[in-house]
Amino acid sequence: MFSEIDHLNEIQTEAFRDRIGTVDEHGKRKWIYAHKPKGKFYNIRTVLSVFYFIVFFGLPFVHIDGRPLFLFNIPNARFILFGKVFWPQDFFIFGLTMITFVVFIILFTAAFGRLFCGWACPQTNFMEMMFRKVEYWILGDAPAQRLLKNAPWTGKKIAKVGLKHLVFYLLAFVIANFFLAYIIGIKELEKIITEPVSQHIVGFSAILVFSAVFYAVYAFFREQACIVVCPYGRLQSVLLDKNSMIVAYDYKRGEPRGNAKKSHDVALGDCIDCHQCVRVCPTGIDIRNGVQMECVGCTACIDACDSIMDKIGKPRGLIRYASENSIANGEPLRYTTRMKLYTGVLGVVVILLSVLLATRADVDATIMRTPGMLFQERGTDSITNLYNIKMVNKTTEDIPLSIRLEGMEGSVQVIGKPFIQVVKEGQGSGSFFVVLPKQNIRERKTKIRLGLYEGDRKIATATSSFLGPVAN
């Protein structure tokens, strides 16, 4: 009896390696009818998802000094993080921010596995905590959905399926609007909604495209977004080690599987092979086969298994958060040397990023001597050079910019007006002469330092070179 059970378990364990859980033996898509989870973790995730949706739908309305808290305007190359605007000139800071995020993901994954996927990922939250719940509400739990799928097309079936897809599209349309708000801002989105469509063809088309994409993902593509598209799951093999926290099956306690009532002559483990952990899995895997790419760490299998353990009078935790070493060797979760190194690297990057953000100037200026022009003599005692200046104003106020020569005798003469007007969150340009006494010029090129002032307040410093005649 034991050899037969052991052989069957071995077949079940190895079969999953041939294909992913959403594909059958013929290579065709296998639709996942996940049973509705119930339990402690599912309840916690539900509460957290409400908070997540409040944040997602609420952040576009939050503004600091007239700016949105977050904006990722890729078409205009304008990004706002925590109310601070970043232009293409600040791309190195934005790039460093992305590096910091990647290092954080590496550290977080090495320590906590795919905790992000199961608890914070937008795809998982919207799919499991919004669209899947709507599906349960309209079509019923997994058995009812299977029956409806195989039932003939009656008026009742058409009404239910049609209502589901109508609600799915409406939800996708709402999500698309708010997604676009993170790109163009809530005020621009309001214009698209309230003003005639003819004035916002591109914006309205973007809403329709995003709506169609989100609808297709949540109505049809579903878990494939995590399995096929998202690279995060495929990176687990290099980010996880045997001390990483994962959703794991305690095979030492659970094997060999089977129903003790039907196998009196065999000493069986706590797993009664009820497959409840498989039925609730949104990606269709058997967690008892070990760490798998498709697992998003949603904990639905933990709740399902705990419920069964309660019913058969066994302790909870047959499936739980653990590490491979903690199950194999009884070792507790620990902070490994690799995690400490990742933490050190992350700390250095965060400090560097903080310094760059704290010291970033409100005005960026580029000053260059006008190309193709040599120096000019003004009278018998002065030499002039013509310069062009381009500025980026990152503040929310217009700046009347004046230029002063610093550290040496001479003057600056702006062409046209006594100052250069730079509009808020915009760019400005102008031309000016630098005038130096001829007697102070000792070299072909002289370094000069120019102070940029708003009234009497110095806001930036720029340097350039001054071309003059060589003394005989």
Protein backbone atom coordinates (compact mmCIF):
# COMPACT_ATOMS: atom_id res chain seq x y z
CA MET A 1 0.00 0.00 0.00
CA PHE A 2 2.77 2.41 0.92
CA SER A 3 4.63 1.84 -2.36
CA GLU A 4 1.48 2.56 -4.40
CA ILE A 5 0.79 5.82 -2.56
CA ASP A 6 4.44 6.81 -2.81
CA HIS A 7 4.44 6.09 -6.54
CA LEU A 8 1.29 8.14 -7.12
CA ASN A 9 2.71 11.04 -5.15
CA GLU A 10 5.90 10.88 -7.20
CA ILE A 11 3.90 11.05 -10.44
CA GLN A 12 1.87 14.00 -9.15
CA THR A 13 5.02 15.76 -7.97
CA GLU A 14 6.86 15.43 -11.29
CA ALA A 15 3.95 16.05 -13.70
CA PHE A 16 3.91 19.78 -13.06
CA ARG A 17 7.39 20.18 -14.54
CA ASP A 18 6.10 19.41 -18.04
CA ARG A 19 3.96 22.55 -18.35
CA ILE A 20 2.66 25.54 -16.45
CA GLY A 21 -0.55 25.20 -14.48
CA THR A 22 -2.69 27.08 -17.01
CA VAL A 23 -1.81 24.89 -20.00
CA ASP A 24 -3.06 21.34 -20.61
CA GLU A 25 -1.12 18.42 -22.09
CA HIS A 26 -2.06 19.58 -25.60
CA GLY A 27 -0.63 23.06 -25.07
CA LYS A 28 -4.02 24.77 -24.91
CA ARG A 29 -5.08 27.41 -22.38
CA LYS A 30 -6.71 25.91 -19.31
CA TRP A 31 -9.18 28.35 -17.74
CA ILE A 32 -8.72 28.69 -13.99
CA TYR A 33 -11.87 28.50 -11.88
CA ALA A 34 -10.45 29.48 -8.51
CA HIS A 35 -12.66 28.80 -5.50
CA LYS A 36 -13.37 31.82 -3.33
CA PRO A 37 -10.82 31.89 -0.49
CA LYS A 38 -11.88 32.24 3.13
CA GLY A 39 -9.72 32.81 6.15
CA LYS A 40 -7.48 35.13 8.13
CA PHE A 41 -5.05 36.06 5.37
CA TYR A 42 -7.80 36.65 2.85
CA ASN A 43 -9.58 38.98 5.27
CA ILE A 44 -6.38 40.93 5.90
CA ARG A 45 -5.71 41.21 2.18
CA THR A 46 -9.26 42.46 1.64
CA VAL A 47 -8.77 45.26 4.18
CA LEU A 48 -5.39 46.19 2.70
CA SER A 49 -6.85 46.19 -0.80
CA VAL A 50 -9.46 48.76 0.28
CA PHE A 51 -6.61 50.96 1.52
CA TYR A 52 -4.76 50.34 -1.75
CA PHE A 53 -7.75 51.38 -3.85
CA ILE A 54 -8.22 54.53 -1.76
CA VAL A 55 -4.57 55.44 -2.39
CA PHE A 56 -4.72 54.61 -6.11
CA PHE A 57 -7.90 56.58 -6.77
CA GLY A 58 -7.05 59.36 -4.30
CA LEU A 59 -3.44 60.30 -5.11
CA PRO A 60 -4.23 62.16 -8.37
CA PHE A 61 -6.27 64.64 -6.31
CA VAL A 62 -3.37 65.38 -3.91
CA HIS A 63 -1.38 68.48 -4.84
CA ILE A 64 1.59 70.24 -3.25
CA ASP A 65 2.14 73.90 -4.19
CA GLY A 66 -0.20 73.44 -7.13
CA ARG A 67 1.59 70.32 -8.37
CA PRO A 68 0.29 66.75 -8.25
CA LEU A 69 2.06 64.50 -5.76
CA PHE A 70 2.99 62.10 -8.57
CA LEU A 71 3.03 62.65 -12.32
CA PHE A 72 4.73 60.61 -15.04
CA ASN A 73 4.20 62.70 -18.15
CA ILE A 74 6.29 60.70 -20.60
CA PRO A 75 5.16 62.59 -23.77
CA ASN A 76 6.34 65.91 -22.29
CA ALA A 77 9.34 64.39 -20.45
CA ARG A 78 8.06 65.86 -17.18
CA PHE A 79 8.02 63.80 -14.01
CA ILE A 80 6.86 64.80 -10.54
CA LEU A 81 7.75 62.79 -7.45
CA PHE A 82 6.45 63.92 -4.07
CA GLY A 83 5.66 67.34 -5.51
CA LYS A 84 9.14 67.92 -7.02
CA VAL A 85 9.37 68.31 -10.78
CA PHE A 86 12.04 66.50 -12.78
CA TRP A 87 13.00 67.53 -16.31
CA PRO A 88 15.27 65.76 -18.81
CA GLN A 89 18.17 67.64 -17.20
CA ASP A 90 17.40 65.73 -13.99
CA PHE A 91 17.28 62.35 -15.67
CA PHE A 92 20.33 61.11 -13.76
CA ILE A 93 18.42 61.70 -10.48
CA PHE A 94 15.35 59.94 -11.85
CA GLY A 95 17.58 57.12 -13.07
CA LEU A 96 19.18 56.82 -9.65
CA THR A 97 15.70 56.65 -8.13
CA MET A 98 14.92 53.71 -10.41
CA ILE A 99 18.20 52.02 -9.42
CA THR A 100 17.26 52.48 -5.76
CA PHE A 101 13.89 50.89 -6.45
CA VAL A 102 15.52 47.92 -8.23
CA VAL A 103 17.98 47.37 -5.36
CA PHE A 104 15.08 47.54 -2.92
CA ILE A 105 13.17 44.92 -4.95
CA ILE A 106 16.23 42.64 -4.92
CA LEU A 107 16.66 43.00 -1.17
CA PHE A 108 12.96 42.67 -0.47
CA THR A 109 12.66 39.55 -2.65
CA ALA A 110 15.77 37.93 -1.16
CA ALA A 111 14.29 38.36 2.31
CA PHE A 112 10.53 38.08 1.78
CA GLY A 113 10.06 36.28 -1.55
CA ARG A 114 7.04 37.36 -3.58
CA LEU A 115 5.32 39.14 -0.72
CA PHE A 116 4.92 42.18 -2.98
CA CYS A 117 3.11 40.14 -5.65
CA GLY A 118 0.55 38.71 -3.27
CA TRP A 119 -0.08 41.78 -1.14
CA ALA A 120 0.78 44.97 -3.05
CA CYS A 121 1.01 44.33 -6.80
CA PRO A 122 -1.65 46.32 -8.74
CA GLN A 123 -2.34 43.36 -11.04
CA THR A 124 -3.03 41.01 -8.12
CA ASN A 125 -5.07 43.55 -6.17
CA PHE A 126 -7.30 44.52 -9.06
CA MET A 127 -7.70 40.95 -10.30
CA GLU A 128 -8.32 39.17 -6.99
CA MET A 129 -9.81 41.93 -4.84
CA MET A 130 -11.98 43.69 -7.42
CA PHE A 131 -12.69 41.81 -10.66
CA ARG A 132 -12.69 38.32 -9.13
CA LYS A 133 -15.07 39.46 -6.38
CA VAL A 134 -17.40 40.95 -9.00
CA GLU A 135 -17.26 37.62 -10.82
CA TYR A 136 -18.17 35.73 -7.64
CA TRP A 137 -21.03 38.17 -7.02
CA ILE A 138 -22.53 37.81 -10.52
CA LEU A 139 -21.69 34.23 -11.54
CA GLY A 140 -21.20 32.50 -8.19
CA ASP A 141 -18.28 30.43 -6.89
CA ALA A 142 -16.10 28.16 -9.05
CA PRO A 143 -18.57 25.20 -9.31
CA ALA A 144 -21.37 27.55 -10.42
CA GLN A 145 -19.06 29.15 -12.97
CA ARG A 146 -18.17 25.74 -14.43
CA LEU A 147 -21.82 24.78 -14.70
CA LEU A 148 -22.63 28.07 -16.39
CA LYS A 149 -19.74 27.62 -18.81
CA ASN A 150 -21.05 24.22 -19.93
CA ALA A 151 -24.72 25.23 -19.92
CA PRO A 152 -26.55 26.09 -23.17
CA TRP A 153 -26.98 29.76 -24.09
CA THR A 154 -30.27 30.63 -22.45
CA GLY A 155 -31.59 34.08 -21.60
CA LYS A 156 -30.39 33.70 -18.00
CA LYS A 157 -26.88 32.77 -19.09
CA ILE A 158 -26.70 35.65 -21.58
CA ALA A 159 -27.89 38.07 -18.89
CA LYS A 160 -25.31 36.89 -16.35
CA VAL A 161 -22.35 36.78 -18.73
CA GLY A 162 -23.37 40.08 -20.33
CA LEU A 163 -23.69 41.77 -16.93
CA LYS A 164 -20.27 40.48 -15.90
CA HIS A 165 -18.55 41.86 -18.97
CA LEU A 166 -20.44 45.15 -18.77
CA VAL A 167 -19.32 45.67 -15.16
CA PHE A 168 -15.78 44.55 -16.07
CA TYR A 169 -15.60 47.15 -18.85
CA LEU A 170 -17.01 49.92 -16.64
CA LEU A 171 -14.41 49.13 -13.97
CA ALA A 172 -11.68 49.05 -16.63
CA PHE A 173 -12.91 52.42 -17.94
CA VAL A 174 -12.69 53.97 -14.47
CA ILE A 175 -9.21 52.51 -13.89
CA ALA A 176 -8.08 53.78 -17.30
CA ASN A 177 -9.19 57.32 -16.42
CA PHE A 178 -7.23 57.35 -13.20
CA PHE A 179 -4.25 55.67 -14.85
CA LEU A 180 -4.23 58.50 -17.38
CA ALA A 181 -4.46 61.00 -14.51
CA TYR A 182 -1.02 59.82 -13.38
CA ILE A 183 0.31 60.69 -16.84
CA ILE A 184 -1.35 64.00 -17.71
CA GLY A 185 -2.72 65.13 -14.33
CA ILE A 186 -6.24 65.19 -12.91
CA LYS A 187 -6.89 68.73 -14.16
CA GLU A 188 -6.13 67.81 -17.78
CA LEU A 189 -8.25 64.68 -17.37
CA GLU A 190 -11.12 66.85 -16.14
CA LYS A 191 -10.87 68.92 -19.31
CA ILE A 192 -11.07 65.77 -21.45
CA ILE A 193 -14.17 64.67 -19.55
CA THR A 194 -16.01 68.01 -19.41
CA GLU A 195 -15.04 69.68 -22.69
CA PRO A 196 -16.16 68.62 -26.19
CA VAL A 197 -14.52 65.43 -27.42
CA SER A 198 -13.44 67.21 -30.63
CA GLN A 199 -11.02 69.30 -28.58
CA HIS A 200 -9.35 66.26 -26.98
CA ILE A 201 -9.27 63.56 -29.64
CA VAL A 202 -5.87 62.22 -28.53
CA GLY A 203 -6.74 62.20 -24.83
CA PHE A 204 -10.13 60.56 -25.36
CA SER A 205 -8.56 57.97 -27.65
CA ALA A 206 -5.98 57.20 -24.94
CA ILE A 207 -8.78 56.56 -22.44
CA LEU A 208 -10.49 54.15 -24.84
CA VAL A 209 -7.22 52.32 -25.57
CA PHE A 210 -6.34 51.98 -21.88
CA SER A 211 -9.89 50.84 -21.12
CA ALA A 212 -9.70 48.15 -23.79
CA VAL A 213 -6.31 46.96 -22.51
CA PHE A 214 -7.41 46.76 -18.87
CA TYR A 215 -10.67 45.05 -19.86
CA ALA A 216 -8.82 42.47 -21.95
CA VAL A 217 -6.33 41.79 -19.16
CA TYR A 218 -8.88 41.31 -16.38
CA ALA A 219 -11.62 39.63 -18.41
CA PHE A 220 -9.50 37.26 -20.52
CA PHE A 221 -5.72 37.40 -19.94
CA ARG A 222 -6.03 37.36 -16.14
CA GLU A 223 -3.35 35.28 -14.37
CA GLN A 224 -1.35 35.03 -17.62
CA ALA A 225 -0.15 38.58 -16.96
CA CYS A 226 1.75 37.24 -13.94
CA ILE A 227 2.87 33.99 -15.54
CA VAL A 228 3.72 35.02 -19.11
CA VAL A 229 4.31 38.78 -19.16
CA CYS A 230 5.69 39.81 -15.77
CA PRO A 231 9.44 39.12 -15.53
CA TYR A 232 9.43 39.21 -11.74
CA GLY A 233 8.39 35.59 -11.34
CA ARG A 234 11.13 34.43 -13.69
CA LEU A 235 13.70 36.36 -11.64
CA GLN A 236 12.89 34.35 -8.52
CA SER A 237 15.48 31.72 -9.38
CA VAL A 238 18.30 34.25 -9.01
CA LEU A 239 16.78 36.39 -6.24
CA LEU A 240 15.59 33.69 -3.84
CA ASP A 241 17.76 31.44 -1.74
CA LYS A 242 16.99 28.75 0.81
CA ASN A 243 16.57 31.34 3.57
CA SER A 244 14.04 33.49 1.69
CA MET A 245 10.53 33.63 3.09
CA ILE A 246 8.06 31.89 0.78
CA VAL A 247 4.64 30.28 0.90
CA ALA A 248 5.73 26.70 1.46
CA TYR A 249 4.30 23.25 2.07
CA ASP A 250 5.80 21.36 5.02
CA TYR A 251 6.53 18.11 3.24
CA LYS A 252 8.17 16.58 6.32
CA ARG A 253 4.94 16.89 8.22
CA GLY A 254 2.56 16.28 5.32
CA GLU A 255 4.08 13.26 3.52
CA PRO A 256 3.08 10.67 2.62
CA ARG A 257 -0.32 12.03 1.65
CA GLY A 258 -3.56 10.19 1.98
CA ASN A 259 -6.70 9.63 4.02
CA ALA A 260 -5.88 7.81 7.25
CA LYS A 261 -9.41 6.38 7.43
CA LYS A 262 -8.85 4.54 4.15
CA SER A 263 -5.25 3.51 4.79
CA HIS A 264 -5.13 1.91 8.22
CA ASP A 265 -1.90 0.00 7.54
CA VAL A 266 0.15 2.99 6.47
CA ALA A 267 1.57 5.79 8.59
CA LEU A 268 0.44 8.88 6.69
CA GLY A 269 1.31 12.52 7.06
CA ASP A 270 -1.07 15.35 7.88
CA CYS A 271 -1.89 16.09 4.23
CA ILE A 272 -5.11 14.24 3.37
CA ASP A 273 -4.72 15.06 -0.34
CA CYS A 274 -7.99 17.02 -0.43
CA HIS A 275 -6.65 19.41 -3.12
CA GLN A 276 -8.29 22.42 -1.47
CA CYS A 277 -4.98 24.29 -1.78
CA VAL A 278 -5.06 23.65 -5.55
CA ARG A 279 -8.71 24.62 -5.97
CA VAL A 280 -8.25 28.09 -4.47
CA CYS A 281 -5.01 28.87 -6.31
CA PRO A 282 -5.54 31.71 -8.83
CA THR A 283 -2.68 30.47 -11.02
CA GLY A 284 -3.67 26.79 -10.95
CA ILE A 285 -0.58 25.32 -9.27
CA ASP A 286 -0.11 22.71 -6.57
CA ILE A 287 1.93 24.39 -3.83
CA ARG A 288 2.95 20.95 -2.57
CA ASN A 289 5.29 20.69 -5.56
CA GLY A 290 7.57 23.34 -4.05
CA VAL A 291 8.59 26.83 -5.19
CA GLN A 292 7.18 27.56 -8.65
CA MET A 293 7.38 30.50 -11.00
CA GLU A 294 3.58 30.80 -11.16
CA CYS A 295 3.14 31.26 -7.40
CA VAL A 296 2.30 34.88 -6.53
CA GLY A 297 2.31 34.34 -2.78
CA CYS A 298 -1.36 35.23 -2.36
CA THR A 299 -1.75 32.91 0.72
CA ALA A 300 -5.09 31.50 -0.51
CA CYS A 301 -3.64 28.00 -0.11
CA ILE A 302 -2.66 28.76 3.50
CA ASP A 303 -6.22 29.73 4.41
CA ALA A 304 -7.65 26.69 2.62
CA CYS A 305 -5.24 24.27 4.31
CA ASP A 306 -5.70 25.81 7.75
CA SER A 307 -9.46 25.35 7.37
CA ILE A 308 -9.00 21.64 6.59
CA MET A 309 -6.56 21.18 9.49
CA ASP A 310 -9.16 22.68 11.84
CA LYS A 311 -11.77 20.22 10.59
CA ILE A 312 -9.58 17.12 11.02
CA GLY A 313 -8.15 18.24 14.35
CA LYS A 314 -4.57 18.84 13.17
CA PRO A 315 -2.44 21.89 13.98
CA ARG A 316 -2.41 24.71 11.46
CA GLY A 317 0.67 25.57 9.41
CA LEU A 318 0.99 22.60 7.05
CA ILE A 319 1.21 25.32 4.40
CA ARG A 320 2.68 28.53 5.82
CA TYR A 321 5.19 31.29 5.42
CA ALA A 322 8.59 29.63 5.84
CA SER A 323 11.95 29.16 4.17
CA GLU A 324 13.31 26.01 2.57
CA ASN A 325 15.88 25.67 5.34
CA SER A 326 13.31 26.18 8.08
CA ILE A 327 11.33 23.22 6.74
CA ALA A 328 14.27 20.98 5.84
CA ASN A 329 16.43 21.65 8.91
CA GLY A 330 14.12 23.33 11.38
CA GLU A 331 16.11 26.56 11.13
CA PRO A 332 14.33 29.85 11.87
CA LEU A 333 14.09 32.62 9.29
CA ARG A 334 17.29 34.65 9.51
CA TYR A 335 18.96 37.75 8.08
CA THR A 336 21.70 36.35 5.86
CA THR A 337 25.01 37.89 4.81
CA ARG A 338 23.68 38.45 1.30
CA MET A 339 20.73 40.39 2.70
CA LYS A 340 23.09 42.50 4.79
CA LEU A 341 25.16 43.32 1.70
CA TYR A 342 22.01 44.30 -0.22
CA THR A 343 20.98 46.49 2.70
CA GLY A 344 24.37 48.23 2.70
CA VAL A 345 24.20 48.91 -1.04
CA LEU A 346 20.64 50.17 -0.70
CA GLY A 347 21.67 52.47 2.17
CA VAL A 348 24.49 53.99 0.12
CA VAL A 349 22.22 54.60 -2.86
CA VAL A 350 19.48 56.12 -0.68
CA ILE A 351 21.99 58.49 0.98
CA LEU A 352 23.37 59.54 -2.40
CA LEU A 353 19.87 60.09 -3.76
CA SER A 354 18.89 62.14 -0.70
CA VAL A 355 21.94 64.38 -1.07
CA LEU A 356 21.22 64.96 -4.76
CA LEU A 357 17.59 65.84 -4.04
CA ALA A 358 18.51 68.15 -1.15
CA THR A 359 21.18 70.02 -3.14
CA ARG A 360 19.26 70.23 -6.41
CA ALA A 361 19.00 73.84 -7.63
CA ASP A 362 15.61 75.38 -8.36
CA VAL A 363 17.04 76.86 -11.55
CA ASP A 364 19.32 75.07 -13.98
CA ALA A 365 21.27 77.32 -16.33
CA THR A 366 23.52 76.56 -19.27
CA ILE A 367 25.75 79.44 -20.40
CA MET A 368 27.82 79.24 -23.59
CA ARG A 369 29.77 81.79 -25.52
CA THR A 370 28.01 82.47 -28.82
CA PRO A 371 29.63 80.09 -31.34
CA GLY A 372 31.51 81.54 -34.29
CA MET A 373 32.15 84.90 -32.62
CA LEU A 374 35.45 86.22 -31.33
CA PHE A 375 35.89 88.97 -28.78
CA GLN A 376 34.97 92.56 -29.56
CA GLU A 377 36.85 95.66 -28.50
CA ARG A 378 34.74 98.34 -26.88
CA GLY A 379 36.60 101.64 -27.01
CA THR A 380 40.26 101.43 -26.10
CA ASP A 381 40.03 99.90 -22.62
CA SER A 382 37.38 97.13 -22.69
CA ILE A 383 36.80 93.72 -24.29
CA THR A 384 33.39 92.09 -24.66
CA ASN A 385 32.13 88.55 -25.32
CA LEU A 386 28.58 87.61 -26.32
CA TYR A 387 26.93 84.72 -24.43
CA ASN A 388 23.71 82.73 -24.74
CA ILE A 389 21.90 81.42 -21.67
CA LYS A 390 19.21 78.72 -21.41
CA MET A 391 17.40 78.15 -18.13
CA VAL A 392 14.92 75.72 -16.62
CA ASN A 393 12.69 77.00 -13.81
CA LYS A 394 11.60 74.12 -11.52
CA THR A 395 9.63 76.32 -9.11
CA THR A 396 5.95 77.27 -9.13
CA GLU A 397 6.70 81.02 -9.46
CA ASP A 398 7.91 83.17 -12.37
CA ILE A 399 11.53 84.28 -11.87
CA PRO A 400 12.94 87.61 -13.13
CA LEU A 401 16.57 86.51 -13.50
CA SER A 402 19.49 88.94 -13.39
CA ILE A 403 23.14 88.06 -14.04
CA ARG A 404 26.14 89.41 -12.17
CA LEU A 405 29.88 88.96 -12.69
CA GLU A 406 31.58 87.65 -9.56
CA GLY A 407 35.16 87.63 -8.33
CA MET A 408 36.58 90.11 -10.81
CA GLU A 409 36.16 93.61 -12.18
CA GLY A 410 33.72 93.98 -15.06
CA SER A 411 30.00 94.07 -15.87
CA VAL A 412 27.14 92.15 -17.49
CA GLN A 413 24.77 93.74 -19.99
CA VAL A 414 21.61 91.75 -20.85
CA ILE A 415 20.34 92.36 -24.37
CA GLY A 416 16.82 93.82 -24.49
CA LYS A 417 15.82 93.96 -20.81
CA PRO A 418 17.65 94.34 -17.49
CA PHE A 419 16.60 90.79 -16.57
CA ILE A 420 15.47 87.55 -18.23
CA GLN A 421 11.94 86.34 -17.41
CA VAL A 422 11.68 82.60 -16.77
CA VAL A 423 8.11 81.33 -16.40
CA LYS A 424 7.18 78.85 -13.67
CA GLU A 425 7.91 75.22 -14.49
CA GLY A 426 9.14 76.40 -17.85
CA GLN A 427 12.21 77.36 -19.78
CA GLY A 428 13.74 80.67 -20.76
CA SER A 429 16.63 81.92 -22.85
CA GLY A 430 18.46 85.14 -23.57
CA SER A 431 21.72 86.77 -24.62
CA PHE A 432 24.09 89.06 -22.77
CA PHE A 433 27.50 90.70 -23.00
CA VAL A 434 30.27 90.32 -20.46
CA VAL A 435 32.53 93.38 -20.39
CA LEU A 436 36.04 93.13 -18.90
CA PRO A 437 38.75 95.79 -18.64
CA LYS A 438 41.41 95.13 -21.25
CA GLN A 439 44.18 95.56 -18.71
CA ASN A 440 42.90 92.62 -16.63
CA ILE A 441 43.09 90.11 -19.47
CA ARG A 442 46.32 88.11 -19.25
CA GLU A 443 45.48 84.93 -21.20
CA ARG A 444 43.74 83.86 -24.36
CA LYS A 445 40.94 82.31 -22.25
CA THR A 446 39.93 83.60 -18.87
CA LYS A 447 37.59 81.69 -16.57
CA ILE A 448 34.66 83.75 -15.32
CA ARG A 449 32.00 83.04 -12.70
CA LEU A 450 28.48 84.37 -13.10
CA GLY A 451 25.90 84.62 -10.33
CA LEU A 452 22.21 84.20 -11.16
CA TYR A 453 19.94 86.30 -8.95
CA GLU A 454 16.26 86.71 -8.28
CA GLY A 455 16.29 90.24 -6.91
CA ASP A 456 18.99 90.14 -4.23
CA ARG A 457 18.72 86.38 -3.69
CA LYS A 458 21.35 84.26 -5.37
CA ILE A 459 19.79 81.09 -6.76
CA ALA A 460 22.56 79.56 -8.88
CA THR A 461 26.14 79.95 -10.11
CA ALA A 462 27.50 79.22 -13.58
CA THR A 463 30.96 79.31 -15.09
CA SER A 464 32.25 79.95 -18.58
CA SER A 465 35.33 81.16 -20.41
CA PHE A 466 36.08 84.66 -21.70
CA LEU A 467 38.02 84.99 -24.96
CA GLY A 468 40.41 87.91 -25.25
CA PRO A 469 43.53 89.05 -27.10
CA VAL A 470 46.93 87.74 -26.10
CA ALA A 471 49.14 90.46 -24.63
CA ASN A 472 52.40 91.11 -26.52
